[in-house]
């Protein structure tokens, strides 16, 4: 999960950080759109249907095809990396 600036914090089994090693980096981002509203039992508006769209090119969301990797050596206190995930897309799935 990322914050509003698109930054993620890596965690393993609920603890901050990751064991020493090389890791593939995958990025997935989905958005709900095309909302259809209806009326609930109290007369208020509620979403009754929507479509889900992928917004990152598929190659970056699969461990077999992502070109991105990160290495944790244990010597660093903090690892910062930036990854290019291509152009924004909007593909329904």
Protein backbone atom coordinates (compact mmCIF):
# COMPACT_ATOMS: atom_id res chain seq x y z
CA UNK A 1 0.00 0.00 0.00
CA UNK A 2 1.21 3.48 -0.75
CA UNK A 3 0.60 6.79 0.92
CA UNK A 4 -0.63 9.95 -0.83
CA UNK A 5 2.86 10.57 -2.26
CA UNK A 6 3.04 7.06 -3.75
CA UNK A 7 5.54 5.81 -1.16
CA UNK A 8 5.32 2.33 0.29
CA UNK A 9 6.76 0.87 3.47
CA UNK A 10 7.89 -2.73 3.18
CA UNK A 11 6.81 -5.06 5.95
CA UNK A 12 7.16 -8.78 6.57
CA UNK A 13 4.58 -10.58 8.68
CA UNK A 14 3.48 -7.27 10.19
CA UNK A 15 6.97 -6.04 11.08
CA UNK A 16 8.70 -3.13 9.33
CA UNK A 17 11.45 -4.15 6.93
CA UNK A 18 12.39 -7.32 5.11
CA UNK A 19 15.00 -10.04 5.53
CA UNK A 20 18.34 -9.70 3.71
CA UNK A 21 18.02 -10.70 0.07
CA UNK A 22 17.02 -9.68 -3.44
CA UNK A 23 13.36 -9.09 -4.17
CA UNK A 24 11.29 -8.52 -7.27
CA UNK A 25 9.19 -5.36 -7.02
CA UNK A 26 5.64 -5.52 -8.32
CA UNK A 27 3.22 -2.61 -8.52
CA UNK A 28 -0.55 -2.96 -8.72
CA UNK A 29 -3.04 -0.15 -8.61
CA UNK A 30 -6.74 -0.57 -9.16
CA UNK A 31 -9.48 2.05 -9.03
CA UNK A 32 -13.24 1.83 -8.79
CA UNK A 33 -15.05 3.97 -11.34
CA UNK A 34 -18.27 4.22 -13.31
CA UNK A 35 -20.25 4.19 -10.08
CA UNK A 36 -23.98 3.52 -10.25
CA UNK A 37 -25.99 4.93 -7.36
CA UNK A 38 -29.24 3.72 -5.88
CA UNK A 39 -31.30 4.57 -2.83
CA UNK A 40 -30.86 2.68 0.43
CA UNK A 41 -33.59 1.81 2.93
CA UNK A 42 -33.27 5.17 4.70
CA UNK A 43 -33.58 7.15 1.47
CA UNK A 44 -29.87 7.95 1.18
CA UNK A 45 -27.65 7.43 -1.84
CA UNK A 46 -25.44 4.37 -2.03
CA UNK A 47 -23.24 2.75 -4.66
CA UNK A 48 -24.98 -0.31 -6.10
CA UNK A 49 -22.55 -1.12 -8.92
CA UNK A 50 -19.11 -0.12 -10.16
CA UNK A 51 -16.30 -1.22 -12.45
CA UNK A 52 -12.73 -1.94 -11.41
CA UNK A 53 -9.88 -0.72 -13.59
CA UNK A 54 -6.16 -1.53 -13.59
CA UNK A 55 -4.09 1.67 -13.84
CA UNK A 56 -0.53 0.28 -14.08
CA UNK A 57 0.81 -1.56 -17.11
CA UNK A 58 0.44 -5.34 -16.52
CA UNK A 59 4.15 -6.16 -16.89
CA UNK A 60 4.88 -4.31 -13.66
CA UNK A 61 2.32 -6.25 -11.60
CA UNK A 62 3.61 -9.76 -12.27
CA UNK A 63 6.69 -11.20 -10.57
CA UNK A 64 7.59 -13.05 -13.80
CA UNK A 65 7.63 -9.93 -15.98
CA UNK A 66 8.58 -7.00 -13.76
CA UNK A 67 12.05 -5.66 -14.50
CA UNK A 68 12.33 -4.09 -11.05
CA UNK A 69 14.32 -5.53 -8.17
CA UNK A 70 15.52 -4.29 -4.79
CA UNK A 71 18.24 -5.70 -2.58
CA UNK A 72 18.31 -5.58 1.21
CA UNK A 73 21.88 -6.03 2.47
CA UNK A 74 21.33 -5.43 6.16
CA UNK A 75 23.85 -2.58 6.16
CA UNK A 76 21.34 0.16 5.43
CA UNK A 77 18.94 1.66 7.92
CA UNK A 78 16.61 2.86 5.18
CA UNK A 79 16.28 1.90 1.52
CA UNK A 80 14.79 4.36 -0.90
CA UNK A 81 14.11 3.49 -4.52
CA UNK A 82 12.07 4.92 -7.35
CA UNK A 83 10.58 2.68 -10.04
CA UNK A 84 9.22 3.67 -13.43
CA UNK A 85 5.96 1.84 -14.02
CA UNK A 86 5.21 3.17 -17.48
CA UNK A 87 2.36 5.34 -18.58
CA UNK A 88 -0.95 5.45 -16.76
CA UNK A 89 -3.59 3.14 -18.24
CA UNK A 90 -7.24 2.41 -17.54
CA UNK A 91 -8.17 -1.16 -18.43
CA UNK A 92 -11.23 -2.86 -16.98
CA UNK A 93 -10.82 -6.32 -15.53
